[in-house]
Amino acid sequence: MKRDTSPGKHASAESPAPLRTRISDVAGSASQRRRASRSLWAACEALLSADDPRALGEALDALSRAFDCDGVALHSVGSSGDLEPWCARGAWQSEPGDLRACLSMPLERAGERVGVLDLQARAGQRWSPTQLGLIRTAAGALGAALGARVELQRLRCLPGRDVITGLPDARALRARLDEELGRTRRHGPPLGLVIVDLDRFAALNARYGRSTGDAVLAETALVLRLALRESDVLARLGTDRFGVLLPEADLGPARRCGERLRRAIEEHRFGRVGRISASFGVASSPSCGLEPLELLDNADRALSVAKKSGRRRVVSAAAGRAH
C-alpha cells in the first residue's frame, strides 16, 4: 500500500512553530490593546479632573503609555478659534539627524474641532497598524473629554451658569423645564426628568475640604455630560444635586438613562477621593404631571425613596420602587 504524503494531512505536525508564532502574535496584540485601553481610559479620567493641576501631567503620561511613544502634546482651540499649545511631555527638541515619525490627530466633539493630539514615535520605530487603529479610536474619546472640559470652563463666567461646574443653574433649568412642558402640552412629546444626588457628599466635604468637594462637583458635571445626548439638558440644582431634562423620553427611557448615569459615576475615579456613588429620582411628563412643580415634586419623592432604600440606586416616580 502506497503511503499518503499529501501536505494537507500532516501540515499541523510538520509546522508547529509558525502556528505557535501566529498564536503568540495574536495574544501579544490582544494584551497590548488591553494595556493601551486601560492607559487611554486613565488619560480620559485625568482630563476630566477639572481643576487638579496634576491631572494634565497624568493624562499625558497615560497617553505615552497607551501609544508607546516618546512625545505627547495636546493643543486646544482657544477663545479666538485658533489652536493654542496646552501641555506636552517628552523631548520634542531632538538632535540634528535624529529623525522621528510624528503624527497629528484632530480631536473633535459633536463634529466641532476642539484640539489636536501630537505624537512622536520612539527612535527607530514606526507606527504599527495596531497603534494607528488605537490612535484613531482614541481620538473620539479624547475629543469628547477635552471638549467637555473646555466648554464647561468657558461657560463658568456667563450669566445663568453655575460658577463651579459651568452648567446652567437651577433657575435656568426651571425656565427650560417650562419651555419643554409647554411643548409637551401643545404637541404631546414626552419629557423625562432625572434628579441626581451625590451620596454622602457632606461627609466628603468634611473629610477632604471645600476645595476638593468643589473639584468633585466639577468633575461630576463632566462625567454626566459625556454620558448624555447633545439634546439633553444638564444643570446644577444645589449643593450636591444635579438635574437632567430628557426631551422626547418617557419613563422607561428616562429610567434607563438614570442607570447609565449611575454606572458612569461609579466607574469613574475622582482625584483624591476615589470612587463615589449617587442616587437618582426619575419622573416623566405627561404620565407624572404636566406642571413644573408637579414633575419636580414627583422626581424629588422618587429620589427620597432611593435615599431611604440604601442609596446608590435609581427609583422611578410611577413605580415607586428601586431598580
C-alpha atoms as a PDB file:
ATOM      1  CA  MET A   1       0.000   0.000   0.000  1.00  0.00           C
ATOM      2  CA  LYS A   2       1.331   3.402  -1.010  1.00  0.00           C
ATOM      3  CA  ARG A   3       1.881   5.862   1.801  1.00  0.00           C
ATOM      4  CA  ASP A   4      -0.062   9.151   1.679  1.00  0.00           C
ATOM      5  CA  THR A   5       2.389  12.074   1.601  1.00  0.00           C
ATOM      6  CA  SER A   6      -0.051  14.869   0.732  1.00  0.00           C
ATOM      7  CA  PRO A   7       0.848  18.111   2.558  1.00  0.00           C
ATOM      8  CA  GLY A   8      -2.595  18.815   3.991  1.00  0.00           C
ATOM      9  CA  LYS A   9      -2.787  15.713   6.176  1.00  0.00           C
ATOM     10  CA  HIS A  10       0.410  16.298   8.159  1.00  0.00           C
ATOM     11  CA  ALA A  11       0.727  20.092   7.937  1.00  0.00           C
ATOM     12  CA  SER A  12      -0.035  20.676  11.607  1.00  0.00           C
ATOM     13  CA  ALA A  13       2.551  18.116  12.734  1.00  0.00           C
ATOM     14  CA  GLU A  14       5.243  19.346  10.347  1.00  0.00           C
ATOM     15  CA  SER A  15       4.971  23.127  11.018  1.00  0.00           C
ATOM     16  CA  PRO A  16       4.028  23.822  14.646  1.00  0.00           C
ATOM     17  CA  ALA A  17       6.449  26.745  15.003  1.00  0.00           C
ATOM     18  CA  PRO A  18       4.688  29.153  12.579  1.00  0.00           C
ATOM     19  CA  LEU A  19       1.336  28.317  14.151  1.00  0.00           C
ATOM     20  CA  ARG A  20       2.691  28.957  17.647  1.00  0.00           C
ATOM     21  CA  THR A  21       4.215  32.203  16.360  1.00  0.00           C
ATOM     22  CA  ARG A  22       0.885  33.350  14.938  1.00  0.00           C
ATOM     23  CA  ILE A  23      -0.952  32.488  18.158  1.00  0.00           C
ATOM     24  CA  SER A  24       1.725  34.300  20.183  1.00  0.00           C
ATOM     25  CA  ASP A  25       1.442  37.367  17.914  1.00  0.00           C
ATOM     26  CA  VAL A  26      -2.345  37.457  18.281  1.00  0.00           C
ATOM     27  CA  ALA A  27      -2.170  37.017  22.066  1.00  0.00           C
ATOM     28  CA  GLY A  28       0.536  39.682  22.333  1.00  0.00           C
ATOM     29  CA  SER A  29      -1.512  42.074  20.200  1.00  0.00           C
ATOM     30  CA  ALA A  30      -4.630  41.470  22.324  1.00  0.00           C
ATOM     31  CA  SER A  31      -2.632  42.008  25.525  1.00  0.00           C
ATOM     32  CA  GLN A  32      -1.136  45.201  24.083  1.00  0.00           C
ATOM     33  CA  ARG A  33      -4.606  46.504  23.188  1.00  0.00           C
ATOM     34  CA  ARG A  34      -5.896  45.784  26.696  1.00  0.00           C
ATOM     35  CA  ARG A  35      -2.980  47.631  28.300  1.00  0.00           C
ATOM     36  CA  ALA A  36      -3.381  50.515  25.878  1.00  0.00           C
ATOM     37  CA  SER A  37      -7.129  50.710  26.525  1.00  0.00           C
ATOM     38  CA  ARG A  38      -6.547  50.905  30.277  1.00  0.00           C
ATOM     39  CA  SER A  39      -3.995  53.690  29.779  1.00  0.00           C
ATOM     40  CA  LEU A  40      -6.349  55.536  27.425  1.00  0.00           C
ATOM     41  CA  TRP A  41      -9.190  55.350  29.945  1.00  0.00           C
ATOM     42  CA  ALA A  42      -6.825  56.675  32.625  1.00  0.00           C
ATOM     43  CA  ALA A  43      -5.966  59.591  30.316  1.00  0.00           C
ATOM     44  CA  CYS A  44      -9.635  60.442  29.776  1.00  0.00           C
ATOM     45  CA  GLU A  45     -10.285  60.274  33.526  1.00  0.00           C
ATOM     46  CA  ALA A  46      -7.344  62.603  34.132  1.00  0.00           C
ATOM     47  CA  LEU A  47      -8.627  65.079  31.534  1.00  0.00           C
ATOM     48  CA  LEU A  48     -11.944  65.163  33.383  1.00  0.00           C
ATOM     49  CA  SER A  49     -10.220  66.162  36.652  1.00  0.00           C
ATOM     50  CA  ALA A  50     -11.267  69.733  36.082  1.00  0.00           C
ATOM     51  CA  ASP A  51      -9.098  71.754  38.475  1.00  0.00           C
ATOM     52  CA  ASP A  52      -6.376  69.321  39.507  1.00  0.00           C
ATOM     53  CA  PRO A  53      -3.040  70.757  38.244  1.00  0.00           C
ATOM     54  CA  ARG A  54      -1.521  67.260  38.283  1.00  0.00           C
ATOM     55  CA  ALA A  55      -4.255  65.846  36.078  1.00  0.00           C
ATOM     56  CA  LEU A  56      -2.824  67.049  32.749  1.00  0.00           C
ATOM     57  CA  GLY A  57       0.565  65.524  33.516  1.00  0.00           C
ATOM     58  CA  GLU A  58      -1.122  62.243  34.469  1.00  0.00           C
ATOM     59  CA  ALA A  59      -3.150  62.345  31.244  1.00  0.00           C
ATOM     60  CA  LEU A  60      -0.022  62.826  29.117  1.00  0.00           C
ATOM     61  CA  ASP A  61       1.835  60.058  30.951  1.00  0.00           C
ATOM     62  CA  ALA A  62      -1.108  57.713  30.361  1.00  0.00           C
ATOM     63  CA  LEU A  63      -1.219  58.622  26.664  1.00  0.00           C
ATOM     64  CA  SER A  64       2.524  57.994  26.353  1.00  0.00           C
ATOM     65  CA  ARG A  65       1.992  54.513  27.813  1.00  0.00           C
ATOM     66  CA  ALA A  66      -1.059  53.856  25.648  1.00  0.00           C
ATOM     67  CA  PHE A  67       0.698  54.703  22.390  1.00  0.00           C
ATOM     68  CA  ASP A  68       4.202  53.547  23.447  1.00  0.00           C
ATOM     69  CA  CYS A  69       5.789  56.776  22.205  1.00  0.00           C
ATOM     70  CA  ASP A  70       8.413  59.296  23.323  1.00  0.00           C
ATOM     71  CA  GLY A  71       6.457  62.549  22.993  1.00  0.00           C
ATOM     72  CA  VAL A  72       2.850  63.620  23.559  1.00  0.00           C
ATOM     73  CA  ALA A  73       1.391  67.118  23.179  1.00  0.00           C
ATOM     74  CA  LEU A  74      -2.146  68.469  23.408  1.00  0.00           C
ATOM     75  CA  HIS A  75      -3.381  71.647  21.725  1.00  0.00           C
ATOM     76  CA  SER A  76      -6.818  73.122  22.420  1.00  0.00           C
ATOM     77  CA  VAL A  77      -8.909  75.612  20.487  1.00  0.00           C
ATOM     78  CA  GLY A  78      -8.772  78.955  22.292  1.00  0.00           C
ATOM     79  CA  SER A  79     -11.386  81.685  22.593  1.00  0.00           C
ATOM     80  CA  SER A  80     -10.176  83.194  19.300  1.00  0.00           C
ATOM     81  CA  GLY A  81     -10.801  79.916  17.496  1.00  0.00           C
ATOM     82  CA  ASP A  82      -7.086  79.278  16.929  1.00  0.00           C
ATOM     83  CA  LEU A  83      -5.136  76.282  18.171  1.00  0.00           C
ATOM     84  CA  GLU A  84      -3.109  77.043  21.292  1.00  0.00           C
ATOM     85  CA  PRO A  85      -0.432  74.825  22.897  1.00  0.00           C
ATOM     86  CA  TRP A  86      -1.795  73.388  26.124  1.00  0.00           C
ATOM     87  CA  CYS A  87       0.584  70.809  27.563  1.00  0.00           C
ATOM     88  CA  ALA A  88       3.351  68.455  26.420  1.00  0.00           C
ATOM     89  CA  ARG A  89       5.521  65.577  27.605  1.00  0.00           C
ATOM     90  CA  GLY A  90       8.765  64.244  26.135  1.00  0.00           C
ATOM     91  CA  ALA A  91      11.874  65.581  24.408  1.00  0.00           C
ATOM     92  CA  TRP A  92      10.473  67.359  21.359  1.00  0.00           C
ATOM     93  CA  GLN A  93      13.795  69.163  20.596  1.00  0.00           C
ATOM     94  CA  SER A  94      15.864  66.381  19.060  1.00  0.00           C
ATOM     95  CA  GLU A  95      19.485  66.366  17.956  1.00  0.00           C
ATOM     96  CA  PRO A  96      20.371  67.087  14.295  1.00  0.00           C
ATOM     97  CA  GLY A  97      19.840  63.946  12.217  1.00  0.00           C
ATOM     98  CA  ASP A  98      17.559  62.326  14.808  1.00  0.00           C
ATOM     99  CA  LEU A  99      14.543  61.878  12.564  1.00  0.00           C
ATOM    100  CA  ARG A 100      11.374  60.566  14.224  1.00  0.00           C
ATOM    101  CA  ALA A 101       7.958  59.529  12.949  1.00  0.00           C
ATOM    102  CA  CYS A 102       5.401  62.111  14.119  1.00  0.00           C
ATOM    103  CA  LEU A 103       1.622  62.120  13.920  1.00  0.00           C
ATOM    104  CA  SER A 104      -1.020  64.831  14.397  1.00  0.00           C
ATOM    105  CA  MET A 105      -4.610  63.749  15.054  1.00  0.00           C
ATOM    106  CA  PRO A 106      -7.509  66.257  15.136  1.00  0.00           C
ATOM    107  CA  LEU A 107      -9.777  65.979  18.174  1.00  0.00           C
ATOM    108  CA  GLU A 108     -13.467  66.686  17.674  1.00  0.00           C
ATOM    109  CA  ARG A 109     -16.602  66.797  19.788  1.00  0.00           C
ATOM    110  CA  ALA A 110     -20.001  66.656  18.067  1.00  0.00           C
ATOM    111  CA  GLY A 111     -18.341  67.461  14.726  1.00  0.00           C
ATOM    112  CA  GLU A 112     -16.552  70.555  16.087  1.00  0.00           C
ATOM    113  CA  ARG A 113     -12.773  70.691  16.330  1.00  0.00           C
ATOM    114  CA  VAL A 114     -11.678  71.149  19.939  1.00  0.00           C
ATOM    115  CA  GLY A 115      -7.970  70.357  19.723  1.00  0.00           C
ATOM    116  CA  VAL A 116      -5.106  68.361  18.241  1.00  0.00           C
ATOM    117  CA  LEU A 117      -3.087  65.458  19.624  1.00  0.00           C
ATOM    118  CA  ASP A 118       0.599  65.349  18.542  1.00  0.00           C
ATOM    119  CA  LEU A 119       2.634  62.163  18.983  1.00  0.00           C
ATOM    120  CA  GLN A 120       6.349  61.464  18.477  1.00  0.00           C
ATOM    121  CA  ALA A 121       7.492  57.858  17.984  1.00  0.00           C
ATOM    122  CA  ARG A 122      10.498  56.312  19.701  1.00  0.00           C
ATOM    123  CA  ALA A 123      13.847  56.415  17.904  1.00  0.00           C
ATOM    124  CA  GLY A 124      13.956  53.916  15.034  1.00  0.00           C
ATOM    125  CA  GLN A 125      10.291  52.964  15.355  1.00  0.00           C
ATOM    126  CA  ARG A 126       7.347  53.445  13.033  1.00  0.00           C
ATOM    127  CA  TRP A 127       3.665  53.459  13.886  1.00  0.00           C
ATOM    128  CA  SER A 128       2.280  49.922  13.669  1.00  0.00           C
ATOM    129  CA  PRO A 129      -1.218  49.200  12.305  1.00  0.00           C
ATOM    130  CA  THR A 130      -2.296  48.324  15.869  1.00  0.00           C
ATOM    131  CA  GLN A 131      -1.071  51.685  17.175  1.00  0.00           C
ATOM    132  CA  LEU A 132      -2.697  53.608  14.324  1.00  0.00           C
ATOM    133  CA  GLY A 133      -6.015  51.849  14.938  1.00  0.00           C
ATOM    134  CA  LEU A 134      -5.830  52.670  18.639  1.00  0.00           C
ATOM    135  CA  ILE A 135      -4.959  56.322  17.924  1.00  0.00           C
ATOM    136  CA  ARG A 136      -7.948  56.671  15.589  1.00  0.00           C
ATOM    137  CA  THR A 137     -10.220  55.113  18.207  1.00  0.00           C
ATOM    138  CA  ALA A 138      -8.705  57.236  20.970  1.00  0.00           C
ATOM    139  CA  ALA A 139      -9.301  60.488  19.088  1.00  0.00           C
ATOM    140  CA  GLY A 140     -13.062  60.248  19.649  1.00  0.00           C
ATOM    141  CA  ALA A 141     -12.803  59.626  23.396  1.00  0.00           C
ATOM    142  CA  LEU A 142     -10.131  62.286  23.907  1.00  0.00           C
ATOM    143  CA  GLY A 143     -12.065  64.811  21.832  1.00  0.00           C
ATOM    144  CA  ALA A 144     -15.197  64.239  23.918  1.00  0.00           C
ATOM    145  CA  ALA A 145     -13.316  64.587  27.217  1.00  0.00           C
ATOM    146  CA  LEU A 146     -11.300  67.631  26.130  1.00  0.00           C
ATOM    147  CA  GLY A 147     -14.308  69.310  24.523  1.00  0.00           C
ATOM    148  CA  ALA A 148     -16.494  68.878  27.608  1.00  0.00           C
ATOM    149  CA  ARG A 149     -13.757  70.217  29.885  1.00  0.00           C
ATOM    150  CA  VAL A 150     -13.005  73.288  27.744  1.00  0.00           C
ATOM    151  CA  GLU A 151     -16.694  74.066  27.185  1.00  0.00           C
ATOM    152  CA  LEU A 152     -17.655  73.981  30.847  1.00  0.00           C
ATOM    153  CA  GLN A 153     -14.602  76.044  31.849  1.00  0.00           C
ATOM    154  CA  ARG A 154     -15.548  78.664  29.262  1.00  0.00           C
ATOM    155  CA  LEU A 155     -19.180  78.820  30.420  1.00  0.00           C
ATOM    156  CA  ARG A 156     -18.488  79.319  34.142  1.00  0.00           C
ATOM    157  CA  CYS A 157     -18.467  83.111  33.984  1.00  0.00           C
ATOM    158  CA  LEU A 158     -21.598  83.522  31.855  1.00  0.00           C
ATOM    159  CA  PRO A 159     -24.941  84.658  33.324  1.00  0.00           C
ATOM    160  CA  GLY A 160     -27.230  81.799  34.303  1.00  0.00           C
ATOM    161  CA  ARG A 161     -24.273  79.441  34.812  1.00  0.00           C
ATOM    162  CA  ASP A 162     -23.006  77.789  37.957  1.00  0.00           C
ATOM    163  CA  VAL A 163     -19.516  79.143  38.744  1.00  0.00           C
ATOM    164  CA  ILE A 164     -18.160  75.778  39.953  1.00  0.00           C
ATOM    165  CA  THR A 165     -19.347  73.448  37.201  1.00  0.00           C
ATOM    166  CA  GLY A 166     -20.133  75.763  34.276  1.00  0.00           C
ATOM    167  CA  LEU A 167     -23.567  74.121  33.988  1.00  0.00           C
ATOM    168  CA  PRO A 168     -26.858  76.018  33.792  1.00  0.00           C
ATOM    169  CA  ASP A 169     -28.067  76.904  37.287  1.00  0.00           C
ATOM    170  CA  ALA A 170     -31.373  75.936  38.910  1.00  0.00           C
ATOM    171  CA  ARG A 171     -33.201  78.999  37.584  1.00  0.00           C
ATOM    172  CA  ALA A 172     -32.057  78.284  34.029  1.00  0.00           C
ATOM    173  CA  LEU A 173     -33.222  74.665  34.339  1.00  0.00           C
ATOM    174  CA  ARG A 174     -36.671  75.715  35.538  1.00  0.00           C
ATOM    175  CA  ALA A 175     -37.004  78.136  32.632  1.00  0.00           C
ATOM    176  CA  ARG A 176     -36.091  75.346  30.201  1.00  0.00           C
ATOM    177  CA  LEU A 177     -38.478  72.977  32.009  1.00  0.00           C
ATOM    178  CA  ASP A 178     -41.327  75.452  31.442  1.00  0.00           C
ATOM    179  CA  GLU A 179     -40.409  75.559  27.746  1.00  0.00           C
ATOM    180  CA  GLU A 180     -40.277  71.804  27.313  1.00  0.00           C
ATOM    181  CA  LEU A 181     -43.509  71.197  29.227  1.00  0.00           C
ATOM    182  CA  GLY A 182     -45.197  73.778  27.009  1.00  0.00           C
ATOM    183  CA  ARG A 183     -44.166  71.668  24.004  1.00  0.00           C
ATOM    184  CA  THR A 184     -45.490  68.551  25.725  1.00  0.00           C
ATOM    185  CA  ARG A 185     -48.868  70.191  26.399  1.00  0.00           C
ATOM    186  CA  ARG A 186     -49.174  71.522  22.847  1.00  0.00           C
ATOM    187  CA  HIS A 187     -47.759  68.703  20.757  1.00  0.00           C
ATOM    188  CA  GLY A 188     -47.580  65.656  23.012  1.00  0.00           C
ATOM    189  CA  PRO A 189     -43.889  64.535  23.012  1.00  0.00           C
ATOM    190  CA  PRO A 190     -42.885  63.182  26.449  1.00  0.00           C
ATOM    191  CA  LEU A 191     -40.269  64.766  28.659  1.00  0.00           C
ATOM    192  CA  GLY A 192     -38.085  62.891  31.113  1.00  0.00           C
ATOM    193  CA  LEU A 193     -36.621  64.380  34.290  1.00  0.00           C
ATOM    194  CA  VAL A 194     -33.795  62.847  36.338  1.00  0.00           C
ATOM    195  CA  ILE A 195     -32.583  64.296  39.650  1.00  0.00           C
ATOM    196  CA  VAL A 196     -29.085  63.213  40.703  1.00  0.00           C
ATOM    197  CA  ASP A 197     -27.923  63.460  44.321  1.00  0.00           C
ATOM    198  CA  LEU A 198     -24.347  62.565  45.300  1.00  0.00           C
ATOM    199  CA  ASP A 199     -24.272  60.127  48.210  1.00  0.00           C
ATOM    200  CA  ARG A 200     -22.655  61.263  51.482  1.00  0.00           C
ATOM    201  CA  PHE A 201     -21.314  64.444  49.913  1.00  0.00           C
ATOM    202  CA  ALA A 202     -21.399  66.353  53.228  1.00  0.00           C
ATOM    203  CA  ALA A 203     -19.076  63.747  54.769  1.00  0.00           C
ATOM    204  CA  LEU A 204     -16.765  64.035  51.759  1.00  0.00           C
ATOM    205  CA  ASN A 205     -16.617  67.822  52.185  1.00  0.00           C
ATOM    206  CA  ALA A 206     -15.886  67.461  55.897  1.00  0.00           C
ATOM    207  CA  ARG A 207     -13.097  64.945  55.305  1.00  0.00           C
ATOM    208  CA  TYR A 208     -11.308  66.454  52.297  1.00  0.00           C
ATOM    209  CA  GLY A 209     -12.272  70.141  52.461  1.00  0.00           C
ATOM    210  CA  ARG A 210     -14.377  72.516  50.430  1.00  0.00           C
ATOM    211  CA  SER A 211     -11.930  72.886  47.528  1.00  0.00           C
ATOM    212  CA  THR A 212     -11.822  69.116  46.972  1.00  0.00           C
ATOM    213  CA  GLY A 213     -15.605  68.984  47.190  1.00  0.00           C
ATOM    214  CA  ASP A 214     -15.867  71.681  44.516  1.00  0.00           C
ATOM    215  CA  ALA A 215     -13.454  69.732  42.305  1.00  0.00           C
ATOM    216  CA  VAL A 216     -15.635  66.620  42.695  1.00  0.00           C
ATOM    217  CA  LEU A 217     -18.702  68.629  41.652  1.00  0.00           C
ATOM    218  CA  ALA A 218     -16.934  69.984  38.559  1.00  0.00           C
ATOM    219  CA  GLU A 219     -15.690  66.518  37.651  1.00  0.00           C
ATOM    220  CA  THR A 220     -19.152  65.016  38.175  1.00  0.00           C
ATOM    221  CA  ALA A 221     -20.558  67.575  35.754  1.00  0.00           C
ATOM    222  CA  LEU A 222     -18.084  66.417  33.097  1.00  0.00           C
ATOM    223  CA  VAL A 223     -18.792  62.727  33.702  1.00  0.00           C
ATOM    224  CA  LEU A 224     -22.561  63.271  33.439  1.00  0.00           C
ATOM    225  CA  ARG A 225     -22.253  65.499  30.358  1.00  0.00           C
ATOM    226  CA  LEU A 226     -20.298  62.839  28.480  1.00  0.00           C
ATOM    227  CA  ALA A 227     -22.920  60.193  29.275  1.00  0.00           C
ATOM    228  CA  LEU A 228     -25.800  62.273  27.845  1.00  0.00           C
ATOM    229  CA  ARG A 229     -27.047  63.190  24.387  1.00  0.00           C
ATOM    230  CA  GLU A 230     -26.289  66.618  22.965  1.00  0.00           C
ATOM    231  CA  SER A 231     -30.021  67.443  23.142  1.00  0.00           C
ATOM    232  CA  ASP A 232     -30.257  66.627  26.869  1.00  0.00           C
ATOM    233  CA  VAL A 233     -30.069  69.478  29.387  1.00  0.00           C
ATOM    234  CA  LEU A 234     -27.827  69.072  32.448  1.00  0.00           C
ATOM    235  CA  ALA A 235     -27.911  71.630  35.268  1.00  0.00           C
ATOM    236  CA  ARG A 236     -26.729  72.018  38.843  1.00  0.00           C
ATOM    237  CA  LEU A 237     -29.685  72.350  41.205  1.00  0.00           C
ATOM    238  CA  GLY A 238     -27.962  72.804  44.553  1.00  0.00           C
ATOM    239  CA  THR A 239     -25.092  71.786  46.805  1.00  0.00           C
ATOM    240  CA  ASP A 240     -24.740  68.162  45.684  1.00  0.00           C
ATOM    241  CA  ARG A 241     -27.668  67.863  43.303  1.00  0.00           C
ATOM    242  CA  PHE A 242     -27.973  67.888  39.512  1.00  0.00           C
ATOM    243  CA  GLY A 243     -30.999  67.849  37.214  1.00  0.00           C
ATOM    244  CA  VAL A 244     -31.309  66.350  33.732  1.00  0.00           C
ATOM    245  CA  LEU A 245     -34.042  67.113  31.184  1.00  0.00           C
ATOM    246  CA  LEU A 246     -34.533  64.417  28.537  1.00  0.00           C
ATOM    247  CA  PRO A 247     -36.625  65.688  25.601  1.00  0.00           C
ATOM    248  CA  GLU A 248     -38.879  63.070  23.994  1.00  0.00           C
ATOM    249  CA  ALA A 249     -38.150  60.466  26.683  1.00  0.00           C
ATOM    250  CA  ASP A 250     -40.940  58.823  28.673  1.00  0.00           C
ATOM    251  CA  LEU A 251     -40.476  56.992  31.974  1.00  0.00           C
ATOM    252  CA  GLY A 252     -38.785  53.850  30.596  1.00  0.00           C
ATOM    253  CA  PRO A 253     -36.001  55.576  28.627  1.00  0.00           C
ATOM    254  CA  ALA A 254     -35.565  58.136  31.428  1.00  0.00           C
ATOM    255  CA  ARG A 255     -35.027  55.347  33.975  1.00  0.00           C
ATOM    256  CA  ARG A 256     -32.516  53.637  31.666  1.00  0.00           C
ATOM    257  CA  CYS A 257     -30.694  56.956  31.336  1.00  0.00           C
ATOM    258  CA  GLY A 258     -30.588  57.185  35.123  1.00  0.00           C
ATOM    259  CA  GLU A 259     -28.978  53.734  35.287  1.00  0.00           C
ATOM    260  CA  ARG A 260     -26.410  54.771  32.685  1.00  0.00           C
ATOM    261  CA  LEU A 261     -25.534  57.894  34.671  1.00  0.00           C
ATOM    262  CA  ARG A 262     -25.284  55.882  37.899  1.00  0.00           C
ATOM    263  CA  ARG A 263     -22.782  53.491  36.293  1.00  0.00           C
ATOM    264  CA  ALA A 264     -20.791  56.371  34.786  1.00  0.00           C
ATOM    265  CA  ILE A 265     -20.318  57.972  38.215  1.00  0.00           C
ATOM    266  CA  GLU A 266     -19.491  54.710  39.991  1.00  0.00           C
ATOM    267  CA  GLU A 267     -16.959  53.630  37.356  1.00  0.00           C
ATOM    268  CA  HIS A 268     -15.093  56.956  37.380  1.00  0.00           C
ATOM    269  CA  ARG A 269     -12.163  57.511  39.760  1.00  0.00           C
ATOM    270  CA  PHE A 270     -12.287  61.012  41.259  1.00  0.00           C
ATOM    271  CA  GLY A 271      -8.933  62.659  42.005  1.00  0.00           C
ATOM    272  CA  ARG A 272      -8.183  62.463  45.730  1.00  0.00           C
ATOM    273  CA  VAL A 273     -11.430  60.822  46.829  1.00  0.00           C
ATOM    274  CA  GLY A 274     -11.509  57.737  44.572  1.00  0.00           C
ATOM    275  CA  ARG A 275     -14.907  56.159  43.890  1.00  0.00           C
ATOM    276  CA  ILE A 276     -18.219  57.772  44.811  1.00  0.00           C
ATOM    277  CA  SER A 277     -21.875  56.945  44.184  1.00  0.00           C
ATOM    278  CA  ALA A 278     -25.158  58.765  43.637  1.00  0.00           C
ATOM    279  CA  SER A 279     -28.911  58.250  43.986  1.00  0.00           C
ATOM    280  CA  PHE A 280     -31.455  59.056  41.274  1.00  0.00           C
ATOM    281  CA  GLY A 281     -35.114  60.029  41.137  1.00  0.00           C
ATOM    282  CA  VAL A 282     -36.887  59.752  37.771  1.00  0.00           C
ATOM    283  CA  ALA A 283     -40.196  61.186  36.523  1.00  0.00           C
ATOM    284  CA  SER A 284     -41.680  61.971  33.119  1.00  0.00           C
ATOM    285  CA  SER A 285     -44.398  64.086  31.589  1.00  0.00           C
ATOM    286  CA  PRO A 286     -47.248  63.654  30.839  1.00  0.00           C
ATOM    287  CA  SER A 287     -47.507  60.467  32.974  1.00  0.00           C
ATOM    288  CA  CYS A 288     -46.164  62.146  36.140  1.00  0.00           C
ATOM    289  CA  GLY A 289     -47.637  65.598  35.593  1.00  0.00           C
ATOM    290  CA  LEU A 290     -47.803  68.497  33.152  1.00  0.00           C
ATOM    291  CA  GLU A 291     -46.807  71.298  35.537  1.00  0.00           C
ATOM    292  CA  PRO A 292     -43.189  72.079  36.505  1.00  0.00           C
ATOM    293  CA  LEU A 293     -43.728  71.875  40.275  1.00  0.00           C
ATOM    294  CA  GLU A 294     -45.693  68.645  39.931  1.00  0.00           C
ATOM    295  CA  LEU A 295     -42.990  66.976  37.845  1.00  0.00           C
ATOM    296  CA  LEU A 296     -40.169  68.189  40.116  1.00  0.00           C
ATOM    297  CA  ASP A 297     -42.059  67.029  43.208  1.00  0.00           C
ATOM    298  CA  ASN A 298     -42.575  63.534  41.755  1.00  0.00           C
ATOM    299  CA  ALA A 299     -38.894  63.197  40.841  1.00  0.00           C
ATOM    300  CA  ASP A 300     -37.876  64.509  44.271  1.00  0.00           C
ATOM    301  CA  ARG A 301     -40.108  61.998  46.056  1.00  0.00           C
ATOM    302  CA  ALA A 302     -38.637  59.177  43.956  1.00  0.00           C
ATOM    303  CA  LEU A 303     -35.150  60.393  44.931  1.00  0.00           C
ATOM    304  CA  SER A 304     -36.170  60.339  48.610  1.00  0.00           C
ATOM    305  CA  VAL A 305     -37.214  56.693  48.222  1.00  0.00           C
ATOM    306  CA  ALA A 306     -33.816  55.916  46.627  1.00  0.00           C
ATOM    307  CA  LYS A 307     -32.009  57.534  49.561  1.00  0.00           C
ATOM    308  CA  LYS A 308     -34.096  55.728  52.173  1.00  0.00           C
ATOM    309  CA  SER A 309     -33.670  52.402  50.330  1.00  0.00           C
ATOM    310  CA  GLY A 310     -29.893  52.418  50.817  1.00  0.00           C
ATOM    311  CA  ARG A 311     -28.681  54.978  48.232  1.00  0.00           C
ATOM    312  CA  ARG A 312     -26.749  54.119  45.045  1.00  0.00           C
ATOM    313  CA  ARG A 313     -29.883  53.301  43.061  1.00  0.00           C
ATOM    314  CA  VAL A 314     -32.469  54.612  40.600  1.00  0.00           C
ATOM    315  CA  VAL A 315     -36.139  54.947  41.563  1.00  0.00           C
ATOM    316  CA  SER A 316     -38.927  55.866  39.184  1.00  0.00           C
ATOM    317  CA  ALA A 317     -41.815  58.071  40.351  1.00  0.00           C
ATOM    318  CA  ALA A 318     -44.559  55.920  38.824  1.00  0.00           C
ATOM    319  CA  ALA A 319     -43.420  52.537  40.127  1.00  0.00           C
ATOM    320  CA  GLY A 320     -42.013  53.857  43.378  1.00  0.00           C
ATOM    321  CA  ARG A 321     -39.523  51.052  43.610  1.00  0.00           C
ATOM    322  CA  ALA A 322     -35.778  50.699  43.124  1.00  0.00           C
ATOM    323  CA  HIS A 323     -34.209  49.199  40.005  1.00  0.00           C
END
